[in-house]
Amino acid sequence: SDNASMESFFSHLKTEALYPYDIRSLDEAQRRIEEFIPFYNHARPQRKLNKLTPVEYRRQLAA
């Protein structure tokens, strides 16, 4: 589907950055989301990208 990559991202966001925590405010949820996005793109290796981060994978494609 056209939305598969976004659906995958939101699934990881919920299961890794939101559900494990007892979030009690919108500010806390927003902070966790804002911290997760750079982590997801720069530090979280992904199996489907040959264990590279999304940024590493894009750099490799552009090289």
PDB file of N, CA and C in Angstrom:
ATOM      1  N   SER A   1       0.837  -1.191   0.000  1.00  0.00           N
ATOM      2  CA  SER A   1       0.000   0.000   0.000  1.00  0.00           C
ATOM      3  C   SER A   1       0.874   1.244   0.000  1.00  0.00           C
ATOM      4  N   ASP A   2       0.333   2.339  -0.461  1.00  0.00           N
ATOM      5  CA  ASP A   2       1.075   3.597  -0.499  1.00  0.00           C
ATOM      6  C   ASP A   2       1.443   4.085   0.895  1.00  0.00           C
ATOM      7  N   ASN A   3       0.671   3.680   1.884  1.00  0.00           N
ATOM      8  CA  ASN A   3       0.898   4.155   3.247  1.00  0.00           C
ATOM      9  C   ASN A   3       1.708   3.178   4.095  1.00  0.00           C
ATOM     10  N   ALA A   4       2.236   2.141   3.504  1.00  0.00           N
ATOM     11  CA  ALA A   4       2.897   1.091   4.290  1.00  0.00           C
ATOM     12  C   ALA A   4       4.048   1.625   5.132  1.00  0.00           C
ATOM     13  N   SER A   5       4.868   2.496   4.580  1.00  0.00           N
ATOM     14  CA  SER A   5       6.008   2.993   5.362  1.00  0.00           C
ATOM     15  C   SER A   5       5.540   3.860   6.527  1.00  0.00           C
ATOM     16  N   MET A   6       4.518   4.677   6.321  1.00  0.00           N
ATOM     17  CA  MET A   6       4.004   5.501   7.421  1.00  0.00           C
ATOM     18  C   MET A   6       3.293   4.646   8.462  1.00  0.00           C
ATOM     19  N   GLU A   7       2.542   3.655   8.009  1.00  0.00           N
ATOM     20  CA  GLU A   7       1.879   2.758   8.954  1.00  0.00           C
ATOM     21  C   GLU A   7       2.915   2.031   9.803  1.00  0.00           C
ATOM     22  N   SER A   8       4.001   1.614   9.190  1.00  0.00           N
ATOM     23  CA  SER A   8       5.074   0.950   9.920  1.00  0.00           C
ATOM     24  C   SER A   8       5.698   1.908  10.939  1.00  0.00           C
ATOM     25  N   PHE A   9       5.980   3.138  10.514  1.00  0.00           N
ATOM     26  CA  PHE A   9       6.560   4.117  11.430  1.00  0.00           C
ATOM     27  C   PHE A   9       5.647   4.347  12.628  1.00  0.00           C
ATOM     28  N   PHE A  10       4.354   4.589  12.372  1.00  0.00           N
ATOM     29  CA  PHE A  10       3.432   4.862  13.480  1.00  0.00           C
ATOM     30  C   PHE A  10       3.286   3.658  14.403  1.00  0.00           C
ATOM     31  N   SER A  11       3.361   2.463  13.854  1.00  0.00           N
ATOM     32  CA  SER A  11       3.329   1.274  14.686  1.00  0.00           C
ATOM     33  C   SER A  11       4.536   1.235  15.632  1.00  0.00           C
ATOM     34  N   HIS A  12       5.722   1.518  15.086  1.00  0.00           N
ATOM     35  CA  HIS A  12       6.928   1.552  15.925  1.00  0.00           C
ATOM     36  C   HIS A  12       6.850   2.689  16.942  1.00  0.00           C
ATOM     37  N   LEU A  13       6.374   3.839  16.520  1.00  0.00           N
ATOM     38  CA  LEU A  13       6.235   4.977  17.432  1.00  0.00           C
ATOM     39  C   LEU A  13       5.366   4.600  18.625  1.00  0.00           C
ATOM     40  N   LYS A  14       4.223   4.004  18.352  1.00  0.00           N
ATOM     41  CA  LYS A  14       3.310   3.650  19.440  1.00  0.00           C
ATOM     42  C   LYS A  14       3.903   2.584  20.354  1.00  0.00           C
ATOM     43  N   THR A  15       4.466   1.526  19.771  1.00  0.00           N
ATOM     44  CA  THR A  15       4.938   0.413  20.604  1.00  0.00           C
ATOM     45  C   THR A  15       6.257   0.700  21.306  1.00  0.00           C
ATOM     46  N   GLU A  16       7.071   1.622  20.768  1.00  0.00           N
ATOM     47  CA  GLU A  16       8.380   1.891  21.374  1.00  0.00           C
ATOM     48  C   GLU A  16       8.427   3.186  22.172  1.00  0.00           C
ATOM     49  N   ALA A  17       7.661   4.186  21.779  1.00  0.00           N
ATOM     50  CA  ALA A  17       7.795   5.499  22.418  1.00  0.00           C
ATOM     51  C   ALA A  17       6.582   5.915  23.233  1.00  0.00           C
ATOM     52  N   LEU A  18       5.445   5.258  23.049  1.00  0.00           N
ATOM     53  CA  LEU A  18       4.249   5.697  23.766  1.00  0.00           C
ATOM     54  C   LEU A  18       3.686   4.628  24.694  1.00  0.00           C
ATOM     55  N   TYR A  19       3.338   3.458  24.169  1.00  0.00           N
ATOM     56  CA  TYR A  19       2.673   2.436  24.985  1.00  0.00           C
ATOM     57  C   TYR A  19       3.464   1.990  26.220  1.00  0.00           C
ATOM     58  N   PRO A  20       4.805   1.894  26.153  1.00  0.00           N
ATOM     59  CA  PRO A  20       5.519   1.404  27.355  1.00  0.00           C
ATOM     60  C   PRO A  20       5.518   2.398  28.524  1.00  0.00           C
ATOM     61  N   TYR A  21       5.062   3.622  28.304  1.00  0.00           N
ATOM     62  CA  TYR A  21       5.158   4.662  29.322  1.00  0.00           C
ATOM     63  C   TYR A  21       3.781   5.072  29.810  1.00  0.00           C
ATOM     64  N   ASP A  22       3.737   5.491  31.041  1.00  0.00           N
ATOM     65  CA  ASP A  22       2.496   5.991  31.637  1.00  0.00           C
ATOM     66  C   ASP A  22       2.427   7.495  31.359  1.00  0.00           C
ATOM     67  N   ILE A  23       2.004   7.834  30.171  1.00  0.00           N
ATOM     68  CA  ILE A  23       1.980   9.229  29.736  1.00  0.00           C
ATOM     69  C   ILE A  23       0.749   9.908  30.318  1.00  0.00           C
ATOM     70  N   ARG A  24       0.983  11.025  30.982  1.00  0.00           N
ATOM     71  CA  ARG A  24      -0.104  11.687  31.702  1.00  0.00           C
ATOM     72  C   ARG A  24      -0.463  13.056  31.149  1.00  0.00           C
ATOM     73  N   SER A  25       0.210  13.487  30.082  1.00  0.00           N
ATOM     74  CA  SER A  25      -0.125  14.802  29.530  1.00  0.00           C
ATOM     75  C   SER A  25       0.201  14.843  28.045  1.00  0.00           C
ATOM     76  N   LEU A  26      -0.432  15.755  27.370  1.00  0.00           N
ATOM     77  CA  LEU A  26      -0.160  15.969  25.957  1.00  0.00           C
ATOM     78  C   LEU A  26       1.285  16.424  25.759  1.00  0.00           C
ATOM     79  N   ASP A  27       1.794  17.258  26.684  1.00  0.00           N
ATOM     80  CA  ASP A  27       3.186  17.718  26.584  1.00  0.00           C
ATOM     81  C   ASP A  27       4.163  16.556  26.655  1.00  0.00           C
ATOM     82  N   GLU A  28       3.910  15.611  27.544  1.00  0.00           N
ATOM     83  CA  GLU A  28       4.796  14.444  27.660  1.00  0.00           C
ATOM     84  C   GLU A  28       4.728  13.587  26.401  1.00  0.00           C
ATOM     85  N   ALA A  29       3.541  13.395  25.872  1.00  0.00           N
ATOM     86  CA  ALA A  29       3.393  12.620  24.630  1.00  0.00           C
ATOM     87  C   ALA A  29       4.140  13.325  23.499  1.00  0.00           C
ATOM     88  N   GLN A  30       3.982  14.628  23.401  1.00  0.00           N
ATOM     89  CA  GLN A  30       4.660  15.377  22.345  1.00  0.00           C
ATOM     90  C   GLN A  30       6.175  15.287  22.488  1.00  0.00           C
ATOM     91  N   ARG A  31       6.673  15.373  23.714  1.00  0.00           N
ATOM     92  CA  ARG A  31       8.121  15.275  23.946  1.00  0.00           C
ATOM     93  C   ARG A  31       8.644  13.910  23.524  1.00  0.00           C
ATOM     94  N   ARG A  32       7.935  12.849  23.890  1.00  0.00           N
ATOM     95  CA  ARG A  32       8.366  11.496  23.512  1.00  0.00           C
ATOM     96  C   ARG A  32       8.361  11.316  22.000  1.00  0.00           C
ATOM     97  N   ILE A  33       7.351  11.854  21.329  1.00  0.00           N
ATOM     98  CA  ILE A  33       7.290  11.765  19.870  1.00  0.00           C
ATOM     99  C   ILE A  33       8.451  12.534  19.253  1.00  0.00           C
ATOM    100  N   GLU A  34       8.708  13.742  19.744  1.00  0.00           N
ATOM    101  CA  GLU A  34       9.796  14.556  19.198  1.00  0.00           C
ATOM    102  C   GLU A  34      11.163  13.925  19.438  1.00  0.00           C
ATOM    103  N   GLU A  35      11.319  13.168  20.515  1.00  0.00           N
ATOM    104  CA  GLU A  35      12.576  12.459  20.763  1.00  0.00           C
ATOM    105  C   GLU A  35      12.687  11.207  19.899  1.00  0.00           C
ATOM    106  N   PHE A  36      11.571  10.562  19.612  1.00  0.00           N
ATOM    107  CA  PHE A  36      11.590   9.306  18.871  1.00  0.00           C
ATOM    108  C   PHE A  36      11.957   9.516  17.403  1.00  0.00           C
ATOM    109  N   ILE A  37      11.500  10.592  16.794  1.00  0.00           N
ATOM    110  CA  ILE A  37      11.716  10.793  15.361  1.00  0.00           C
ATOM    111  C   ILE A  37      13.206  10.823  15.005  1.00  0.00           C
ATOM    112  N   PRO A  38      14.038  11.636  15.679  1.00  0.00           N
ATOM    113  CA  PRO A  38      15.478  11.574  15.355  1.00  0.00           C
ATOM    114  C   PRO A  38      16.093  10.209  15.683  1.00  0.00           C
ATOM    115  N   PHE A  39      15.663   9.595  16.789  1.00  0.00           N
ATOM    116  CA  PHE A  39      16.152   8.259  17.126  1.00  0.00           C
ATOM    117  C   PHE A  39      15.831   7.277  16.003  1.00  0.00           C
ATOM    118  N   TYR A  40      14.594   7.291  15.529  1.00  0.00           N
ATOM    119  CA  TYR A  40      14.152   6.377  14.469  1.00  0.00           C
ATOM    120  C   TYR A  40      14.972   6.575  13.196  1.00  0.00           C
ATOM    121  N   ASN A  41      15.217   7.814  12.834  1.00  0.00           N
ATOM    122  CA  ASN A  41      15.919   8.110  11.581  1.00  0.00           C
ATOM    123  C   ASN A  41      17.428   7.939  11.654  1.00  0.00           C
ATOM    124  N   HIS A  42      18.022   8.199  12.823  1.00  0.00           N
ATOM    125  CA  HIS A  42      19.485   8.264  12.911  1.00  0.00           C
ATOM    126  C   HIS A  42      20.121   7.146  13.740  1.00  0.00           C
ATOM    127  N   ALA A  43      19.383   6.499  14.628  1.00  0.00           N
ATOM    128  CA  ALA A  43      20.023   5.561  15.558  1.00  0.00           C
ATOM    129  C   ALA A  43      19.406   4.165  15.568  1.00  0.00           C
ATOM    130  N   ARG A  44      18.238   3.996  14.985  1.00  0.00           N
ATOM    131  CA  ARG A  44      17.537   2.714  15.090  1.00  0.00           C
ATOM    132  C   ARG A  44      17.725   1.887  13.823  1.00  0.00           C
ATOM    133  N   PRO A  45      18.625   0.891  13.849  1.00  0.00           N
ATOM    134  CA  PRO A  45      18.801   0.024  12.672  1.00  0.00           C
ATOM    135  C   PRO A  45      17.509  -0.727  12.366  1.00  0.00           C
ATOM    136  N   GLN A  46      17.259  -0.961  11.089  1.00  0.00           N
ATOM    137  CA  GLN A  46      16.038  -1.654  10.687  1.00  0.00           C
ATOM    138  C   GLN A  46      16.375  -2.871   9.841  1.00  0.00           C
ATOM    139  N   ARG A  47      15.779  -3.969  10.192  1.00  0.00           N
ATOM    140  CA  ARG A  47      16.034  -5.233   9.498  1.00  0.00           C
ATOM    141  C   ARG A  47      15.765  -5.093   7.998  1.00  0.00           C
ATOM    142  N   LYS A  48      14.663  -4.450   7.642  1.00  0.00           N
ATOM    143  CA  LYS A  48      14.293  -4.352   6.228  1.00  0.00           C
ATOM    144  C   LYS A  48      15.246  -3.460   5.432  1.00  0.00           C
ATOM    145  N   LEU A  49      16.095  -2.696   6.127  1.00  0.00           N
ATOM    146  CA  LEU A  49      17.086  -1.834   5.465  1.00  0.00           C
ATOM    147  C   LEU A  49      18.495  -2.403   5.653  1.00  0.00           C
ATOM    148  N   ASN A  50      18.594  -3.712   5.719  1.00  0.00           N
ATOM    149  CA  ASN A  50      19.886  -4.387   5.922  1.00  0.00           C
ATOM    150  C   ASN A  50      20.604  -3.906   7.177  1.00  0.00           C
ATOM    151  N   LYS A  51      19.825  -3.713   8.233  1.00  0.00           N
ATOM    152  CA  LYS A  51      20.323  -3.296   9.546  1.00  0.00           C
ATOM    153  C   LYS A  51      20.980  -1.918   9.521  1.00  0.00           C
ATOM    154  N   LEU A  52      20.563  -1.075   8.588  1.00  0.00           N
ATOM    155  CA  LEU A  52      20.994   0.317   8.556  1.00  0.00           C
ATOM    156  C   LEU A  52      19.880   1.188   9.113  1.00  0.00           C
ATOM    157  N   THR A  53      20.226   2.405   9.532  1.00  0.00           N
ATOM    158  CA  THR A  53      19.188   3.362   9.898  1.00  0.00           C
ATOM    159  C   THR A  53      18.626   3.950   8.604  1.00  0.00           C
ATOM    160  N   PRO A  54      17.455   4.561   8.638  1.00  0.00           N
ATOM    161  CA  PRO A  54      16.924   5.179   7.416  1.00  0.00           C
ATOM    162  C   PRO A  54      17.885   6.199   6.795  1.00  0.00           C
ATOM    163  N   VAL A  55      18.558   6.992   7.613  1.00  0.00           N
ATOM    164  CA  VAL A  55      19.505   7.984   7.086  1.00  0.00           C
ATOM    165  C   VAL A  55      20.684   7.283   6.411  1.00  0.00           C
ATOM    166  N   GLU A  56      21.233   6.246   7.052  1.00  0.00           N
ATOM    167  CA  GLU A  56      22.343   5.502   6.448  1.00  0.00           C
ATOM    168  C   GLU A  56      21.916   4.864   5.127  1.00  0.00           C
ATOM    169  N   TYR A  57      20.700   4.315   5.112  1.00  0.00           N
ATOM    170  CA  TYR A  57      20.196   3.659   3.909  1.00  0.00           C
ATOM    171  C   TYR A  57      20.063   4.664   2.761  1.00  0.00           C
ATOM    172  N   ARG A  58      19.504   5.835   3.044  1.00  0.00           N
ATOM    173  CA  ARG A  58      19.361   6.856   1.995  1.00  0.00           C
ATOM    174  C   ARG A  58      20.721   7.330   1.501  1.00  0.00           C
ATOM    175  N   ARG A  59      21.693   7.488   2.419  1.00  0.00           N
ATOM    176  CA  ARG A  59      23.048   7.896   2.015  1.00  0.00           C
ATOM    177  C   ARG A  59      23.658   6.853   1.081  1.00  0.00           C
ATOM    178  N   GLN A  60      23.459   5.590   1.414  1.00  0.00           N
ATOM    179  CA  GLN A  60      24.004   4.503   0.602  1.00  0.00           C
ATOM    180  C   GLN A  60      23.383   4.513  -0.798  1.00  0.00           C
ATOM    181  N   LEU A  61      22.085   4.775  -0.887  1.00  0.00           N
ATOM    182  CA  LEU A  61      21.422   4.832  -2.186  1.00  0.00           C
ATOM    183  C   LEU A  61      21.916   6.013  -3.017  1.00  0.00           C
ATOM    184  N   ALA A  62      22.234   7.114  -2.353  1.00  0.00           N
ATOM    185  CA  ALA A  62      22.650   8.324  -3.065  1.00  0.00           C
ATOM    186  C   ALA A  62      24.117   8.254  -3.500  1.00  0.00           C
ATOM    187  N   ALA A  63      24.877   7.372  -2.887  1.00  0.00           N
ATOM    188  CA  ALA A  63      26.326   7.295  -3.193  1.00  0.00           C
ATOM    189  C   ALA A  63      26.586   6.689  -4.566  1.00  0.00           C
TER     190      ALA A  63
END
